[in-house]
N, C-alpha and C. Protein backbone atom coordinates (compact mmCIF):
# COMPACT_ATOMS: atom_id res chain seq x y z
N UNK A 1 0.05 -13.72 10.60
CA UNK A 1 -1.07 -13.19 9.82
C UNK A 1 -1.46 -14.24 8.78
N UNK A 2 -2.74 -14.33 8.58
CA UNK A 2 -3.23 -15.39 7.67
C UNK A 2 -3.40 -14.70 6.24
N UNK A 3 -3.74 -15.57 5.22
CA UNK A 3 -3.86 -14.96 3.88
C UNK A 3 -5.09 -14.08 3.78
N UNK A 4 -6.14 -14.47 4.42
CA UNK A 4 -7.33 -13.64 4.34
C UNK A 4 -7.13 -12.21 4.94
N UNK A 5 -6.35 -12.09 6.01
CA UNK A 5 -5.99 -10.79 6.62
C UNK A 5 -5.17 -9.94 5.55
N UNK A 6 -4.21 -10.64 4.98
CA UNK A 6 -3.47 -9.87 3.97
C UNK A 6 -4.29 -9.29 2.85
N UNK A 7 -5.28 -10.07 2.34
CA UNK A 7 -6.13 -9.72 1.33
C UNK A 7 -7.11 -8.63 1.73
N UNK A 8 -7.62 -8.73 3.00
CA UNK A 8 -8.45 -7.76 3.47
C UNK A 8 -7.80 -6.32 3.58
N UNK A 9 -6.59 -6.33 4.12
CA UNK A 9 -5.85 -5.13 4.23
C UNK A 9 -5.57 -4.57 2.76
N UNK A 10 -5.21 -5.35 1.91
CA UNK A 10 -4.96 -4.76 0.58
C UNK A 10 -6.21 -4.29 -0.05
N UNK A 11 -7.33 -5.03 0.14
CA UNK A 11 -8.66 -4.62 -0.50
C UNK A 11 -9.16 -3.41 0.13
N UNK A 12 -8.94 -3.10 1.49
CA UNK A 12 -9.38 -1.95 2.14
C UNK A 12 -8.64 -0.70 1.58
N UNK A 13 -7.31 -0.91 1.21
CA UNK A 13 -6.55 0.21 0.69
C UNK A 13 -7.06 0.56 -0.59
N UNK A 14 -7.56 -0.33 -1.41
CA UNK A 14 -8.14 0.13 -2.68
C UNK A 14 -9.53 0.59 -2.66
N UNK A 15 -10.44 -0.13 -1.86
CA UNK A 15 -11.80 0.19 -1.95
C UNK A 15 -12.27 1.33 -0.92
N UNK A 16 -11.76 1.17 0.33
CA UNK A 16 -12.24 2.04 1.34
C UNK A 16 -11.35 3.27 1.55
N UNK A 17 -10.09 3.16 1.27
CA UNK A 17 -9.09 4.21 1.57
C UNK A 17 -8.35 4.66 0.37
N UNK A 18 -8.98 4.62 -0.84
CA UNK A 18 -8.30 4.77 -2.10
C UNK A 18 -7.41 6.05 -2.13
N UNK A 19 -7.95 7.14 -1.75
CA UNK A 19 -7.16 8.38 -1.82
C UNK A 19 -7.18 9.06 -0.52
N UNK A 20 -7.16 8.27 0.65
CA UNK A 20 -7.18 8.79 2.01
C UNK A 20 -5.77 8.99 2.45
N UNK A 21 -5.26 10.25 2.54
CA UNK A 21 -3.96 10.53 2.96
C UNK A 21 -3.88 10.95 4.45
N UNK A 22 -5.00 10.86 5.12
CA UNK A 22 -5.12 11.19 6.46
C UNK A 22 -5.18 10.02 7.44
N UNK A 23 -4.68 10.14 8.58
CA UNK A 23 -4.77 9.08 9.45
C UNK A 23 -3.45 8.25 9.47
N UNK A 24 -3.58 7.01 9.94
CA UNK A 24 -2.42 6.16 10.13
C UNK A 24 -2.62 4.79 9.51
N UNK A 25 -1.54 4.14 9.10
CA UNK A 25 -1.54 2.77 8.56
C UNK A 25 -0.56 1.91 9.34
N UNK A 26 -0.94 0.82 9.80
CA UNK A 26 -0.17 -0.11 10.53
C UNK A 26 0.88 -0.72 9.48
N UNK A 27 1.93 -1.31 9.98
CA UNK A 27 2.98 -1.99 9.18
C UNK A 27 2.25 -3.18 8.29
N UNK A 28 1.30 -3.85 8.95
CA UNK A 28 0.56 -4.94 8.32
C UNK A 28 -0.17 -4.42 7.12
N UNK A 29 -0.84 -3.28 7.28
CA UNK A 29 -1.60 -2.72 6.12
C UNK A 29 -0.67 -2.34 4.94
N UNK A 30 0.38 -1.72 5.37
CA UNK A 30 1.28 -1.17 4.30
C UNK A 30 1.99 -2.44 3.53
N UNK A 31 2.53 -3.38 4.32
CA UNK A 31 3.22 -4.57 3.71
C UNK A 31 2.23 -5.46 3.01
N UNK A 32 1.01 -5.56 3.41
CA UNK A 32 -0.06 -6.46 2.80
C UNK A 32 -0.29 -5.85 1.45
N UNK A 33 -0.47 -4.57 1.35
CA UNK A 33 -0.78 -3.87 0.08
C UNK A 33 0.36 -4.09 -0.84
N UNK A 34 1.62 -3.78 -0.35
CA UNK A 34 2.79 -3.86 -1.09
C UNK A 34 2.89 -5.33 -1.70
N UNK A 35 2.82 -6.33 -0.85
CA UNK A 35 2.93 -7.70 -1.36
C UNK A 35 1.93 -8.08 -2.39
N UNK A 36 0.66 -7.66 -2.20
CA UNK A 36 -0.44 -8.01 -3.25
C UNK A 36 -0.09 -7.36 -4.44
N UNK A 37 0.24 -6.08 -4.43
CA UNK A 37 0.55 -5.23 -5.70
C UNK A 37 1.72 -5.96 -6.40
N UNK A 38 2.74 -6.27 -5.60
CA UNK A 38 3.94 -6.90 -6.16
C UNK A 38 3.73 -8.20 -6.90
N UNK A 39 2.93 -9.02 -6.25
CA UNK A 39 2.63 -10.35 -6.81
C UNK A 39 1.80 -10.18 -8.12
N UNK A 40 0.82 -9.39 -8.10
CA UNK A 40 0.00 -9.16 -9.28
C UNK A 40 0.77 -8.50 -10.38
N UNK A 41 1.59 -7.55 -10.06
CA UNK A 41 2.53 -6.91 -11.10
C UNK A 41 3.41 -7.94 -11.74
N UNK A 42 4.04 -8.73 -10.81
CA UNK A 42 5.07 -9.76 -11.29
C UNK A 42 4.26 -10.80 -12.23
N UNK A 43 3.11 -11.22 -11.93
CA UNK A 43 2.30 -12.18 -12.69
C UNK A 43 1.93 -11.54 -14.09
N UNK A 44 1.45 -10.25 -14.13
CA UNK A 44 1.16 -9.60 -15.28
C UNK A 44 2.43 -9.36 -16.18
N UNK A 45 3.46 -8.98 -15.63
CA UNK A 45 4.71 -8.77 -16.43
C UNK A 45 5.28 -10.15 -16.99
N UNK A 46 5.19 -11.16 -16.18
CA UNK A 46 5.66 -12.48 -16.58
C UNK A 46 4.89 -12.95 -17.72
N UNK A 47 3.51 -12.80 -17.61
CA UNK A 47 2.66 -13.25 -18.76
C UNK A 47 2.88 -12.39 -19.99
N UNK A 48 3.14 -11.23 -19.87
CA UNK A 48 3.41 -10.29 -20.96
C UNK A 48 4.70 -10.71 -21.67
N UNK A 49 5.74 -10.99 -20.94
CA UNK A 49 6.98 -11.44 -21.61
C UNK A 49 7.05 -12.78 -22.08
N UNK A 50 6.36 -13.72 -21.42
CA UNK A 50 6.35 -15.10 -21.91
C UNK A 50 5.43 -15.38 -23.05
N UNK A 51 4.30 -14.70 -23.11
CA UNK A 51 3.39 -15.03 -24.19
C UNK A 51 3.56 -14.08 -25.33
N UNK A 52 4.02 -12.91 -25.11
CA UNK A 52 4.18 -11.94 -26.22
C UNK A 52 2.92 -11.21 -26.63
N UNK A 53 1.89 -11.44 -25.80
CA UNK A 53 0.64 -10.91 -26.21
C UNK A 53 0.49 -9.47 -25.54
N UNK A 54 0.16 -8.55 -26.39
CA UNK A 54 0.14 -7.17 -26.04
C UNK A 54 -0.86 -6.86 -24.91
N UNK A 55 -1.85 -7.66 -24.89
CA UNK A 55 -2.97 -7.45 -23.90
C UNK A 55 -2.47 -7.35 -22.48
N UNK A 56 -1.42 -8.24 -22.21
CA UNK A 56 -0.87 -8.32 -20.80
C UNK A 56 -0.05 -6.99 -20.46
N UNK A 57 0.59 -6.49 -21.58
CA UNK A 57 1.22 -5.20 -21.35
C UNK A 57 0.27 -4.19 -20.99
N UNK A 58 -0.88 -4.08 -21.72
CA UNK A 58 -1.85 -3.14 -21.42
C UNK A 58 -2.50 -3.26 -20.09
N UNK A 59 -2.77 -4.49 -19.65
CA UNK A 59 -3.31 -4.81 -18.35
C UNK A 59 -2.24 -4.39 -17.28
N UNK A 60 -1.05 -4.65 -17.46
CA UNK A 60 -0.02 -4.32 -16.49
C UNK A 60 0.05 -2.84 -16.28
N UNK A 61 -0.05 -2.05 -17.41
CA UNK A 61 0.01 -0.55 -17.44
C UNK A 61 -1.19 -0.03 -16.62
N UNK A 62 -2.37 -0.55 -16.97
CA UNK A 62 -3.63 -0.17 -16.29
C UNK A 62 -3.60 -0.45 -14.90
N UNK A 63 -3.11 -1.67 -14.45
CA UNK A 63 -3.06 -2.01 -13.14
C UNK A 63 -2.08 -1.14 -12.35
N UNK A 64 -0.98 -0.79 -12.90
CA UNK A 64 -0.06 0.17 -12.30
C UNK A 64 -0.67 1.58 -12.06
N UNK A 65 -1.40 1.97 -12.99
CA UNK A 65 -2.10 3.30 -12.89
C UNK A 65 -3.16 3.25 -11.76
N UNK A 66 -3.87 2.15 -11.70
CA UNK A 66 -4.95 1.95 -10.79
C UNK A 66 -4.54 1.92 -9.38
N UNK A 67 -3.24 1.43 -9.14
CA UNK A 67 -2.83 1.27 -7.72
C UNK A 67 -1.87 2.28 -7.30
N UNK A 68 -1.69 3.33 -8.21
CA UNK A 68 -0.72 4.43 -8.03
C UNK A 68 -1.17 5.29 -6.79
N UNK A 69 -2.46 5.80 -6.84
CA UNK A 69 -2.90 6.59 -5.80
C UNK A 69 -3.06 5.88 -4.43
N UNK A 70 -3.66 4.62 -4.36
CA UNK A 70 -3.77 3.96 -3.09
C UNK A 70 -2.35 3.61 -2.56
N UNK A 71 -1.38 3.47 -3.39
CA UNK A 71 -0.07 3.15 -3.00
C UNK A 71 0.61 4.39 -2.39
N UNK A 72 0.39 5.50 -2.92
CA UNK A 72 0.86 6.76 -2.37
C UNK A 72 0.10 7.01 -0.96
N UNK A 73 -1.19 6.77 -1.03
CA UNK A 73 -1.91 7.05 0.27
C UNK A 73 -1.47 6.17 1.41
N UNK A 74 -1.35 4.89 1.19
CA UNK A 74 -0.98 3.96 2.26
C UNK A 74 0.51 4.32 2.69
N UNK A 75 1.28 4.73 1.78
CA UNK A 75 2.71 5.06 2.18
C UNK A 75 2.69 6.32 3.11
N UNK A 76 1.83 7.33 2.69
CA UNK A 76 1.82 8.51 3.53
C UNK A 76 1.15 8.15 4.95
N UNK A 77 0.19 7.30 4.94
CA UNK A 77 -0.41 7.00 6.27
C UNK A 77 0.49 6.16 7.14
N UNK A 78 1.40 5.33 6.47
CA UNK A 78 2.32 4.61 7.21
C UNK A 78 3.36 5.54 7.81
N UNK A 79 3.74 6.54 7.15
CA UNK A 79 4.69 7.50 7.64
C UNK A 79 4.11 8.25 8.81
N UNK A 80 2.75 8.59 8.68
CA UNK A 80 2.09 9.22 9.79
C UNK A 80 2.07 8.29 11.05
N UNK A 81 2.11 7.02 10.86
CA UNK A 81 2.05 6.09 12.11
C UNK A 81 3.31 6.13 12.81
N UNK A 82 4.43 6.51 12.11
CA UNK A 82 5.67 6.52 12.88
C UNK A 82 6.02 8.08 13.23
N UNK A 83 5.04 8.84 13.11
CA UNK A 83 5.26 10.27 13.52
C UNK A 83 5.93 11.13 12.45
N UNK A 84 5.96 10.89 11.22
CA UNK A 84 6.58 11.59 10.15
C UNK A 84 5.60 12.18 9.21
N UNK A 85 5.92 13.28 8.62
CA UNK A 85 5.03 13.92 7.65
C UNK A 85 4.99 13.05 6.37
N UNK A 86 3.95 13.08 5.65
CA UNK A 86 3.84 12.30 4.42
C UNK A 86 4.85 12.76 3.30
N UNK A 87 5.33 13.98 3.51
CA UNK A 87 6.23 14.41 2.56
C UNK A 87 7.65 13.71 2.58
N UNK A 88 7.83 12.94 3.64
CA UNK A 88 9.07 12.11 3.76
C UNK A 88 9.06 11.07 2.60
N UNK A 89 7.89 10.83 2.08
CA UNK A 89 7.76 9.89 0.99
C UNK A 89 8.67 10.19 -0.16
N UNK A 90 8.91 11.54 -0.38
CA UNK A 90 9.75 11.92 -1.53
C UNK A 90 11.25 11.53 -1.33
N UNK A 91 11.57 11.26 -0.05
CA UNK A 91 12.95 10.77 0.19
C UNK A 91 13.14 9.33 -0.31
N UNK A 92 11.97 8.72 -0.36
CA UNK A 92 11.94 7.28 -0.89
C UNK A 92 12.16 6.24 0.18
N UNK A 93 11.97 6.55 1.47
CA UNK A 93 12.31 5.66 2.45
C UNK A 93 11.10 5.48 3.40
N UNK A 94 10.55 4.30 3.47
CA UNK A 94 9.43 4.04 4.41
C UNK A 94 9.93 3.06 5.47
N UNK A 95 10.23 3.66 6.65
CA UNK A 95 10.91 2.75 7.65
C UNK A 95 9.92 1.69 8.08
N UNK A 96 10.60 0.57 8.43
CA UNK A 96 9.76 -0.53 8.90
C UNK A 96 9.76 -0.67 10.43
N UNK A 97 9.72 0.49 11.07
CA UNK A 97 9.74 0.43 12.58
C UNK A 97 8.35 0.49 13.04
N UNK A 98 8.20 0.05 14.35
CA UNK A 98 6.91 0.12 14.97
C UNK A 98 6.34 1.47 14.98
N UNK A 99 5.01 1.63 14.80
CA UNK A 99 4.38 2.96 14.95
C UNK A 99 4.40 3.45 16.31
N UNK A 100 4.12 4.81 16.44
CA UNK A 100 4.04 5.38 17.67
C UNK A 100 2.93 4.89 18.55
N UNK A 101 3.10 4.48 19.74
CA UNK A 101 2.01 3.94 20.56
C UNK A 101 0.99 5.11 20.95
N UNK A 102 -0.26 4.79 21.01
CA UNK A 102 -1.28 5.80 21.31
C UNK A 102 -1.54 6.82 20.25
N UNK A 103 -2.32 7.84 20.55
CA UNK A 103 -2.66 8.84 19.52
C UNK A 103 -1.42 9.60 19.25
N UNK A 104 -1.35 10.17 18.02
CA UNK A 104 -0.31 11.21 17.60
C UNK A 104 -1.06 12.28 16.89
N UNK A 105 -0.32 13.18 16.32
CA UNK A 105 -1.03 14.41 15.69
C UNK A 105 -1.71 14.00 14.45
N UNK A 106 -1.48 12.78 13.88
CA UNK A 106 -2.19 12.30 12.74
C UNK A 106 -3.39 11.50 12.93
N UNK A 107 -3.71 11.07 14.21
CA UNK A 107 -4.91 10.40 14.49
C UNK A 107 -4.62 9.28 15.59
N UNK A 108 -5.66 8.47 15.80
CA UNK A 108 -5.53 7.46 16.81
C UNK A 108 -4.70 6.34 16.34
N UNK A 109 -4.17 5.54 17.29
CA UNK A 109 -3.36 4.40 17.08
C UNK A 109 -4.19 3.32 16.32
N UNK A 110 -3.80 2.90 15.09
CA UNK A 110 -4.66 1.93 14.31
C UNK A 110 -4.63 0.58 14.99
N UNK A 111 -3.68 0.27 15.92
CA UNK A 111 -3.71 -1.05 16.60
C UNK A 111 -4.81 -1.15 17.59
N UNK A 112 -5.31 0.06 17.98
CA UNK A 112 -6.39 -0.05 19.03
C UNK A 112 -7.81 -0.27 18.52
N UNK A 113 -7.96 -0.52 17.15
CA UNK A 113 -9.19 -0.78 16.55
C UNK A 113 -9.40 -2.25 16.47
């Protein structure tokens, strides 16, 4: 997977599927979003600690709030892809296994698009 694909997956989670808890999300979509959010959070936290400027703490907090809903949504859609209910999220485990092939009760296979 190339860098542009990773950014496109992460961007679509935030812009197109911000609070979409329906349907399914491929592993690539989930992990791309998680990677991008992790990198940005790490950079903001590092800047806040190394510079001592409070603005980076504020930006880090605002960023965390901004990605909270899309993070929950992509996690729920990822669980749907493996045939689990989104409420499994409360267990705190998002398996990294292949999604169910073909359609399931949560929607069509995202790999077919």
